[in-house]
Amino acid sequence: MGALVGLGFGLGCLLVWSAFSASPAPPAVRRPGRLERILAEAGMREVAPRSVLILCAGCGLLAVVLVLGLTRTATLAVVLGALAAGLPVVVVRGRARRRRREPGRGVAGGGGRPRVRRTRGDVVARRGRRPGGAGSGGAAPGVRRLRAGLPGLGTLR
């Protein structure tokens, strides 16, 4: 029995010694989450992601209570509550998308040039022809027939 008590005491002392002698693990580098990145892109860095999630839960709960009170249909209330719970995140994503489109805005605040949308008419105009055909003034075939058939409309552009 004495050997067992001595073995237990020795094991306990070894565990206490190893707890204080081991070097602590380096702190893990925390990367921003998806919601945190979206908030930063939307220009809302001061808003905590936790508060957005609480707002989502509040919107969903409010929608469930309202729909359940109005319709007394639990299934519809739960579905619309789930849709309403995503509303704050959708609004923040839309704001981030708008800020990305604006020149000189974004996460880093650096300039960017606005996107130019090219259409088929731009390509045809570069080739030296008008989009509606040669000499048509860019009008569609139906409009050309209308101009040709009615006097005085041929000069309109």
N, C-alpha and C. Protein backbone atom coordinates (compact mmCIF):
# COMPACT_ATOMS: atom_id res chain seq x y z
N MET A 1 0.82 -1.19 0.00
CA MET A 1 0.00 0.00 0.00
C MET A 1 0.87 1.26 0.00
N GLY A 2 1.98 1.20 0.73
CA GLY A 2 2.89 2.34 0.79
C GLY A 2 3.51 2.64 -0.56
N ALA A 3 3.79 1.61 -1.34
CA ALA A 3 4.38 1.81 -2.67
C ALA A 3 3.38 2.49 -3.60
N LEU A 4 2.11 2.13 -3.45
CA LEU A 4 1.07 2.73 -4.29
C LEU A 4 0.89 4.20 -3.96
N VAL A 5 0.92 4.57 -2.68
CA VAL A 5 0.81 5.98 -2.29
C VAL A 5 2.03 6.75 -2.79
N GLY A 6 3.20 6.19 -2.69
CA GLY A 6 4.41 6.84 -3.18
C GLY A 6 4.38 7.02 -4.69
N LEU A 7 3.87 6.01 -5.40
CA LEU A 7 3.76 6.13 -6.85
C LEU A 7 2.77 7.22 -7.25
N GLY A 8 1.64 7.32 -6.55
CA GLY A 8 0.63 8.36 -6.82
C GLY A 8 1.18 9.74 -6.54
N PHE A 9 1.94 9.87 -5.40
CA PHE A 9 2.52 11.17 -5.06
C PHE A 9 3.56 11.58 -6.09
N GLY A 10 4.38 10.65 -6.53
CA GLY A 10 5.40 10.94 -7.54
C GLY A 10 4.78 11.33 -8.88
N LEU A 11 3.72 10.64 -9.25
CA LEU A 11 3.04 10.97 -10.52
C LEU A 11 2.40 12.35 -10.43
N GLY A 12 1.82 12.70 -9.30
CA GLY A 12 1.23 14.03 -9.11
C GLY A 12 2.27 15.12 -9.19
N CYS A 13 3.42 14.90 -8.54
CA CYS A 13 4.50 15.89 -8.60
C CYS A 13 5.02 16.06 -10.03
N LEU A 14 5.10 14.96 -10.77
CA LEU A 14 5.55 15.02 -12.17
C LEU A 14 4.58 15.83 -13.02
N LEU A 15 3.29 15.64 -12.80
CA LEU A 15 2.29 16.40 -13.58
C LEU A 15 2.33 17.89 -13.25
N VAL A 16 2.50 18.25 -11.98
CA VAL A 16 2.59 19.66 -11.59
C VAL A 16 3.85 20.28 -12.19
N TRP A 17 4.96 19.58 -12.14
CA TRP A 17 6.20 20.10 -12.70
C TRP A 17 6.10 20.28 -14.21
N SER A 18 5.46 19.32 -14.93
CA SER A 18 5.36 19.43 -16.39
C SER A 18 4.42 20.56 -16.81
N ALA A 19 3.45 20.89 -15.96
CA ALA A 19 2.54 22.00 -16.30
C ALA A 19 3.26 23.34 -16.29
N PHE A 20 4.21 23.51 -15.38
CA PHE A 20 4.90 24.79 -15.28
C PHE A 20 6.16 24.86 -16.13
N SER A 21 6.72 23.73 -16.50
CA SER A 21 7.97 23.77 -17.24
C SER A 21 7.77 23.81 -18.75
N ALA A 22 6.63 23.39 -19.24
CA ALA A 22 6.41 23.38 -20.69
C ALA A 22 6.20 24.80 -21.19
N SER A 23 6.78 25.09 -22.35
CA SER A 23 6.61 26.43 -22.92
C SER A 23 5.20 26.53 -23.52
N PRO A 24 4.56 27.67 -23.35
CA PRO A 24 3.21 27.81 -23.89
C PRO A 24 3.24 27.84 -25.42
N ALA A 25 2.19 27.36 -26.01
CA ALA A 25 2.09 27.35 -27.47
C ALA A 25 1.96 28.78 -27.97
N PRO A 26 2.54 29.08 -29.12
CA PRO A 26 2.41 30.43 -29.66
C PRO A 26 0.93 30.74 -29.95
N PRO A 27 0.54 31.98 -29.74
CA PRO A 27 -0.86 32.32 -29.99
C PRO A 27 -1.19 32.16 -31.47
N ALA A 28 -2.35 31.60 -31.72
CA ALA A 28 -2.77 31.38 -33.10
C ALA A 28 -3.11 32.71 -33.76
N VAL A 29 -2.71 32.85 -35.01
CA VAL A 29 -3.01 34.06 -35.76
C VAL A 29 -4.47 33.96 -36.20
N ARG A 30 -5.24 34.96 -35.82
CA ARG A 30 -6.67 34.95 -36.11
C ARG A 30 -6.91 35.63 -37.45
N ARG A 31 -7.49 34.88 -38.37
CA ARG A 31 -7.84 35.44 -39.67
C ARG A 31 -9.27 35.95 -39.62
N PRO A 32 -9.56 37.02 -40.33
CA PRO A 32 -10.94 37.52 -40.32
C PRO A 32 -11.87 36.54 -41.02
N GLY A 33 -13.06 36.41 -40.48
CA GLY A 33 -14.06 35.53 -41.06
C GLY A 33 -14.73 36.16 -42.27
N ARG A 34 -15.63 35.42 -42.88
CA ARG A 34 -16.30 35.89 -44.09
C ARG A 34 -17.14 37.13 -43.81
N LEU A 35 -17.91 37.09 -42.72
CA LEU A 35 -18.77 38.23 -42.39
C LEU A 35 -17.94 39.46 -42.04
N GLU A 36 -16.80 39.24 -41.40
CA GLU A 36 -15.91 40.36 -41.06
C GLU A 36 -15.35 41.01 -42.33
N ARG A 37 -15.00 40.20 -43.33
CA ARG A 37 -14.50 40.75 -44.60
C ARG A 37 -15.59 41.52 -45.33
N ILE A 38 -16.82 41.00 -45.31
CA ILE A 38 -17.92 41.69 -45.98
C ILE A 38 -18.20 43.02 -45.30
N LEU A 39 -18.16 43.04 -43.96
CA LEU A 39 -18.37 44.29 -43.24
C LEU A 39 -17.28 45.30 -43.56
N ALA A 40 -16.05 44.83 -43.70
CA ALA A 40 -14.94 45.74 -44.04
C ALA A 40 -15.12 46.31 -45.44
N GLU A 41 -15.56 45.47 -46.38
CA GLU A 41 -15.78 45.94 -47.75
C GLU A 41 -16.93 46.93 -47.81
N ALA A 42 -17.89 46.78 -46.91
CA ALA A 42 -19.04 47.68 -46.89
C ALA A 42 -18.74 48.98 -46.15
N GLY A 43 -17.53 49.10 -45.60
CA GLY A 43 -17.17 50.31 -44.87
C GLY A 43 -17.74 50.32 -43.46
N MET A 44 -18.00 49.17 -42.91
CA MET A 44 -18.60 49.06 -41.57
C MET A 44 -17.65 48.29 -40.65
N ARG A 45 -16.40 48.69 -40.62
CA ARG A 45 -15.40 47.99 -39.80
C ARG A 45 -15.71 48.06 -38.31
N GLU A 46 -16.38 49.10 -37.88
CA GLU A 46 -16.65 49.25 -36.45
C GLU A 46 -17.80 48.38 -35.97
N VAL A 47 -18.55 47.78 -36.87
CA VAL A 47 -19.65 46.90 -36.51
C VAL A 47 -19.10 45.50 -36.29
N ALA A 48 -19.41 44.92 -35.14
CA ALA A 48 -18.93 43.57 -34.83
C ALA A 48 -19.79 42.54 -35.55
N PRO A 49 -19.18 41.48 -36.03
CA PRO A 49 -19.97 40.43 -36.69
C PRO A 49 -21.00 39.81 -35.75
N ARG A 50 -20.69 39.76 -34.47
CA ARG A 50 -21.64 39.22 -33.50
C ARG A 50 -22.92 40.04 -33.47
N SER A 51 -22.80 41.36 -33.57
CA SER A 51 -23.99 42.20 -33.54
C SER A 51 -24.83 42.02 -34.80
N VAL A 52 -24.19 41.75 -35.94
CA VAL A 52 -24.95 41.47 -37.17
C VAL A 52 -25.72 40.16 -37.02
N LEU A 53 -25.08 39.16 -36.41
CA LEU A 53 -25.76 37.89 -36.20
C LEU A 53 -26.92 38.03 -35.22
N ILE A 54 -26.75 38.85 -34.20
CA ILE A 54 -27.85 39.10 -33.26
C ILE A 54 -28.99 39.82 -33.97
N LEU A 55 -28.65 40.76 -34.83
CA LEU A 55 -29.67 41.46 -35.62
C LEU A 55 -30.41 40.49 -36.54
N CYS A 56 -29.68 39.54 -37.14
CA CYS A 56 -30.31 38.52 -37.99
C CYS A 56 -31.31 37.70 -37.18
N ALA A 57 -30.90 37.27 -36.00
CA ALA A 57 -31.80 36.49 -35.15
C ALA A 57 -33.02 37.30 -34.75
N GLY A 58 -32.82 38.58 -34.44
CA GLY A 58 -33.94 39.45 -34.07
C GLY A 58 -34.91 39.65 -35.21
N CYS A 59 -34.39 39.87 -36.42
CA CYS A 59 -35.27 40.04 -37.58
C CYS A 59 -36.07 38.77 -37.85
N GLY A 60 -35.40 37.63 -37.75
CA GLY A 60 -36.09 36.37 -37.98
C GLY A 60 -37.16 36.11 -36.95
N LEU A 61 -36.85 36.36 -35.68
CA LEU A 61 -37.83 36.16 -34.61
C LEU A 61 -39.01 37.12 -34.75
N LEU A 62 -38.74 38.36 -35.09
CA LEU A 62 -39.81 39.33 -35.28
C LEU A 62 -40.72 38.92 -36.43
N ALA A 63 -40.14 38.44 -37.52
CA ALA A 63 -40.94 38.00 -38.65
C ALA A 63 -41.79 36.78 -38.28
N VAL A 64 -41.22 35.86 -37.53
CA VAL A 64 -41.99 34.68 -37.11
C VAL A 64 -43.17 35.09 -36.25
N VAL A 65 -42.94 35.98 -35.31
CA VAL A 65 -44.02 36.41 -34.42
C VAL A 65 -45.10 37.16 -35.19
N LEU A 66 -44.69 38.05 -36.11
CA LEU A 66 -45.68 38.81 -36.88
C LEU A 66 -46.51 37.91 -37.79
N VAL A 67 -45.85 37.03 -38.53
CA VAL A 67 -46.58 36.17 -39.46
C VAL A 67 -47.44 35.17 -38.71
N LEU A 68 -46.93 34.66 -37.60
CA LEU A 68 -47.72 33.73 -36.81
C LEU A 68 -48.93 34.42 -36.20
N GLY A 69 -48.78 35.66 -35.80
CA GLY A 69 -49.90 36.41 -35.26
C GLY A 69 -50.94 36.77 -36.31
N LEU A 70 -50.49 37.03 -37.53
CA LEU A 70 -51.42 37.42 -38.58
C LEU A 70 -52.10 36.23 -39.26
N THR A 71 -51.34 35.16 -39.51
CA THR A 71 -51.89 34.06 -40.29
C THR A 71 -52.19 32.80 -39.47
N ARG A 72 -51.58 32.66 -38.32
CA ARG A 72 -51.72 31.47 -37.48
C ARG A 72 -51.29 30.19 -38.21
N THR A 73 -50.30 30.35 -39.09
CA THR A 73 -49.75 29.22 -39.83
C THR A 73 -48.27 29.12 -39.46
N ALA A 74 -47.93 28.08 -38.71
CA ALA A 74 -46.57 27.96 -38.20
C ALA A 74 -45.56 27.72 -39.33
N THR A 75 -45.92 26.93 -40.31
CA THR A 75 -45.00 26.61 -41.40
C THR A 75 -44.62 27.88 -42.17
N LEU A 76 -45.61 28.66 -42.52
CA LEU A 76 -45.36 29.90 -43.24
C LEU A 76 -44.55 30.87 -42.39
N ALA A 77 -44.84 30.91 -41.11
CA ALA A 77 -44.11 31.81 -40.21
C ALA A 77 -42.64 31.43 -40.12
N VAL A 78 -42.35 30.14 -40.05
CA VAL A 78 -40.95 29.70 -39.96
C VAL A 78 -40.21 29.99 -41.26
N VAL A 79 -40.84 29.75 -42.39
CA VAL A 79 -40.18 29.98 -43.68
C VAL A 79 -39.90 31.47 -43.87
N LEU A 80 -40.89 32.31 -43.62
CA LEU A 80 -40.67 33.76 -43.78
C LEU A 80 -39.71 34.30 -42.73
N GLY A 81 -39.71 33.70 -41.54
CA GLY A 81 -38.74 34.10 -40.53
C GLY A 81 -37.32 33.77 -40.94
N ALA A 82 -37.14 32.61 -41.59
CA ALA A 82 -35.81 32.24 -42.07
C ALA A 82 -35.35 33.19 -43.17
N LEU A 83 -36.26 33.59 -44.04
CA LEU A 83 -35.91 34.56 -45.08
C LEU A 83 -35.57 35.92 -44.48
N ALA A 84 -36.35 36.34 -43.49
CA ALA A 84 -36.11 37.64 -42.87
C ALA A 84 -34.82 37.63 -42.05
N ALA A 85 -34.41 36.48 -41.57
CA ALA A 85 -33.17 36.40 -40.79
C ALA A 85 -31.95 36.71 -41.65
N GLY A 86 -32.02 36.44 -42.93
CA GLY A 86 -30.89 36.73 -43.81
C GLY A 86 -30.86 38.15 -44.34
N LEU A 87 -31.89 38.92 -44.05
CA LEU A 87 -32.01 40.28 -44.59
C LEU A 87 -30.84 41.20 -44.22
N PRO A 88 -30.39 41.25 -42.95
CA PRO A 88 -29.25 42.15 -42.65
C PRO A 88 -27.98 41.80 -43.42
N VAL A 89 -27.72 40.52 -43.60
CA VAL A 89 -26.51 40.12 -44.34
C VAL A 89 -26.65 40.51 -45.81
N VAL A 90 -27.84 40.38 -46.36
CA VAL A 90 -28.07 40.75 -47.76
C VAL A 90 -27.86 42.26 -47.95
N VAL A 91 -28.32 43.05 -46.98
CA VAL A 91 -28.15 44.50 -47.06
C VAL A 91 -26.66 44.87 -47.00
N VAL A 92 -25.92 44.23 -46.11
CA VAL A 92 -24.48 44.53 -45.99
C VAL A 92 -23.75 44.10 -47.25
N ARG A 93 -24.10 42.95 -47.82
CA ARG A 93 -23.47 42.51 -49.07
C ARG A 93 -23.76 43.47 -50.21
N GLY A 94 -24.99 43.97 -50.28
CA GLY A 94 -25.34 44.93 -51.32
C GLY A 94 -24.54 46.21 -51.19
N ARG A 95 -24.36 46.65 -49.95
CA ARG A 95 -23.57 47.86 -49.73
C ARG A 95 -22.11 47.64 -50.12
N ALA A 96 -21.59 46.46 -49.81
CA ALA A 96 -20.21 46.15 -50.19
C ALA A 96 -20.08 46.09 -51.70
N ARG A 97 -21.06 45.53 -52.38
CA ARG A 97 -21.03 45.46 -53.85
C ARG A 97 -21.07 46.85 -54.46
N ARG A 98 -21.91 47.73 -53.91
CA ARG A 98 -21.98 49.10 -54.42
C ARG A 98 -20.66 49.83 -54.22
N ARG A 99 -20.03 49.62 -53.07
CA ARG A 99 -18.76 50.29 -52.81
C ARG A 99 -17.65 49.76 -53.72
N ARG A 100 -17.71 48.48 -54.07
CA ARG A 100 -16.71 47.94 -55.00
C ARG A 100 -16.85 48.55 -56.37
N ARG A 101 -18.07 48.87 -56.78
CA ARG A 101 -18.30 49.45 -58.11
C ARG A 101 -17.86 50.90 -58.20
N GLU A 102 -17.89 51.62 -57.07
CA GLU A 102 -17.52 53.04 -57.09
C GLU A 102 -16.02 53.17 -57.29
N PRO A 103 -15.57 54.08 -58.15
CA PRO A 103 -14.14 54.28 -58.31
C PRO A 103 -13.55 54.94 -57.08
N GLY A 104 -12.35 54.49 -56.69
CA GLY A 104 -11.67 55.09 -55.55
C GLY A 104 -12.18 54.60 -54.21
N ARG A 105 -13.06 53.59 -54.18
CA ARG A 105 -13.57 53.08 -52.91
C ARG A 105 -13.23 51.60 -52.83
N GLY A 106 -13.46 51.02 -51.71
CA GLY A 106 -13.22 49.59 -51.55
C GLY A 106 -12.55 49.33 -50.23
N VAL A 107 -11.99 48.15 -50.08
CA VAL A 107 -11.37 47.77 -48.81
C VAL A 107 -10.14 48.61 -48.54
N ALA A 108 -9.26 48.70 -49.52
CA ALA A 108 -8.02 49.42 -49.30
C ALA A 108 -8.19 50.92 -49.52
N GLY A 109 -9.29 51.33 -50.12
CA GLY A 109 -9.50 52.74 -50.39
C GLY A 109 -8.70 53.23 -51.58
N GLY A 110 -8.03 52.33 -52.25
CA GLY A 110 -7.24 52.72 -53.41
C GLY A 110 -8.12 52.96 -54.61
N GLY A 111 -7.58 53.67 -55.53
CA GLY A 111 -8.36 53.97 -56.73
C GLY A 111 -8.49 52.77 -57.63
N GLY A 112 -9.50 52.75 -58.33
CA GLY A 112 -9.72 51.73 -59.34
C GLY A 112 -10.46 52.43 -60.46
N ARG A 113 -10.31 51.95 -61.62
CA ARG A 113 -11.02 52.63 -62.68
C ARG A 113 -12.40 52.00 -62.84
N PRO A 114 -13.36 52.78 -63.25
CA PRO A 114 -14.71 52.24 -63.41
C PRO A 114 -14.75 51.23 -64.55
N ARG A 115 -15.60 50.26 -64.39
CA ARG A 115 -15.73 49.26 -65.43
C ARG A 115 -16.50 49.82 -66.61
N VAL A 116 -16.03 49.52 -67.81
CA VAL A 116 -16.68 49.97 -69.02
C VAL A 116 -17.40 48.77 -69.61
N ARG A 117 -18.67 48.93 -69.82
CA ARG A 117 -19.44 47.84 -70.41
C ARG A 117 -19.48 48.02 -71.92
N ARG A 118 -19.01 47.03 -72.61
CA ARG A 118 -18.98 47.09 -74.07
C ARG A 118 -20.18 46.35 -74.63
N THR A 119 -20.76 46.95 -75.63
CA THR A 119 -21.91 46.33 -76.28
C THR A 119 -21.56 45.99 -77.71
N ARG A 120 -22.45 45.33 -78.38
CA ARG A 120 -22.24 44.97 -79.77
C ARG A 120 -22.13 46.22 -80.66
N GLY A 121 -22.86 47.25 -80.31
CA GLY A 121 -22.82 48.49 -81.07
C GLY A 121 -21.45 49.14 -81.05
N ASP A 122 -20.73 49.01 -79.90
CA ASP A 122 -19.39 49.57 -79.82
C ASP A 122 -18.45 48.86 -80.77
N VAL A 123 -18.58 47.55 -80.89
CA VAL A 123 -17.71 46.79 -81.77
C VAL A 123 -17.99 47.14 -83.21
N VAL A 124 -19.25 47.25 -83.59
CA VAL A 124 -19.62 47.58 -84.96
C VAL A 124 -19.17 49.00 -85.29
N ALA A 125 -19.32 49.93 -84.34
CA ALA A 125 -18.92 51.31 -84.59
C ALA A 125 -17.41 51.41 -84.77
N ARG A 126 -16.65 50.55 -84.09
CA ARG A 126 -15.21 50.57 -84.27
C ARG A 126 -14.81 50.11 -85.66
N ARG A 127 -15.61 49.27 -86.26
CA ARG A 127 -15.30 48.79 -87.60
C ARG A 127 -15.63 49.82 -88.67
N GLY A 128 -16.30 50.90 -88.30
CA GLY A 128 -16.60 51.94 -89.25
C GLY A 128 -18.01 51.88 -89.80
N ARG A 129 -18.83 50.96 -89.32
CA ARG A 129 -20.21 50.88 -89.79
C ARG A 129 -21.13 51.24 -88.65
N ARG A 130 -22.31 51.61 -88.98
CA ARG A 130 -23.31 51.91 -87.96
C ARG A 130 -24.02 50.63 -87.57
N PRO A 131 -24.54 50.54 -86.35
CA PRO A 131 -25.19 49.31 -85.90
C PRO A 131 -26.40 48.91 -86.74
N GLY A 132 -27.13 49.85 -87.32
CA GLY A 132 -28.33 49.50 -88.07
C GLY A 132 -28.09 49.19 -89.53
N GLY A 133 -26.90 49.30 -89.99
CA GLY A 133 -26.62 49.06 -91.41
C GLY A 133 -26.09 50.33 -92.05
N ALA A 134 -25.66 50.25 -93.28
CA ALA A 134 -25.06 51.38 -93.96
C ALA A 134 -26.10 52.44 -94.27
N GLY A 135 -25.88 53.67 -93.83
CA GLY A 135 -26.76 54.78 -94.15
C GLY A 135 -28.10 54.77 -93.46
N SER A 136 -28.28 53.96 -92.46
CA SER A 136 -29.60 53.87 -91.82
C SER A 136 -29.73 54.80 -90.63
N GLY A 137 -28.65 55.40 -90.22
CA GLY A 137 -28.72 56.26 -89.06
C GLY A 137 -28.86 55.47 -87.77
N GLY A 138 -28.50 54.20 -87.78
CA GLY A 138 -28.55 53.39 -86.59
C GLY A 138 -29.93 52.86 -86.28
N ALA A 139 -30.88 53.04 -87.16
CA ALA A 139 -32.24 52.62 -86.89
C ALA A 139 -32.44 51.16 -87.25
N ALA A 140 -33.40 50.57 -86.59
CA ALA A 140 -33.76 49.18 -86.88
C ALA A 140 -34.48 49.12 -88.21
N PRO A 141 -34.55 47.94 -88.86
CA PRO A 141 -35.20 47.83 -90.17
C PRO A 141 -36.66 48.29 -90.16
N GLY A 142 -37.39 48.03 -89.10
CA GLY A 142 -38.79 48.46 -89.04
C GLY A 142 -38.92 49.96 -89.03
N VAL A 143 -38.01 50.63 -88.35
CA VAL A 143 -38.04 52.09 -88.30
C VAL A 143 -37.64 52.66 -89.64
N ARG A 144 -36.70 52.02 -90.33
CA ARG A 144 -36.31 52.50 -91.67
C ARG A 144 -37.50 52.42 -92.63
N ARG A 145 -38.27 51.32 -92.55
CA ARG A 145 -39.45 51.20 -93.42
C ARG A 145 -40.47 52.26 -93.07
N LEU A 146 -40.62 52.55 -91.77
CA LEU A 146 -41.58 53.56 -91.36
C LEU A 146 -41.15 54.94 -91.86
N ARG A 147 -39.86 55.24 -91.77
CA ARG A 147 -39.37 56.53 -92.25
C ARG A 147 -39.54 56.66 -93.75
N ALA A 148 -39.31 55.57 -94.46
CA ALA A 148 -39.43 55.63 -95.92
C ALA A 148 -40.88 55.78 -96.35
N GLY A 149 -41.82 55.22 -95.58
CA GLY A 149 -43.21 55.25 -95.97
C GLY A 149 -43.94 56.52 -95.60
N LEU A 150 -43.48 57.25 -94.60
CA LEU A 150 -44.15 58.47 -94.18
C LEU A 150 -43.34 59.68 -94.60
N PRO A 151 -43.96 60.65 -95.25
CA PRO A 151 -43.22 61.83 -95.69
C PRO A 151 -42.80 62.69 -94.48
N GLY A 152 -41.63 63.23 -94.53
CA GLY A 152 -41.14 64.12 -93.49
C GLY A 152 -40.40 63.41 -92.37
N LEU A 153 -40.51 62.09 -92.24
CA LEU A 153 -39.82 61.37 -91.17
C LEU A 153 -38.44 60.91 -91.57
N GLY A 154 -38.10 61.04 -92.85
CA GLY A 154 -36.79 60.58 -93.29
C GLY A 154 -35.65 61.39 -92.72
N THR A 155 -35.91 62.61 -92.27
CA THR A 155 -34.85 63.46 -91.74
C THR A 155 -34.66 63.30 -90.24
N LEU A 156 -35.57 62.59 -89.59
CA LEU A 156 -35.45 62.42 -88.14
C LEU A 156 -34.36 61.42 -87.80
N ARG A 157 -33.69 61.67 -86.72
CA ARG A 157 -32.65 60.74 -86.27
C ARG A 157 -32.88 60.38 -84.85
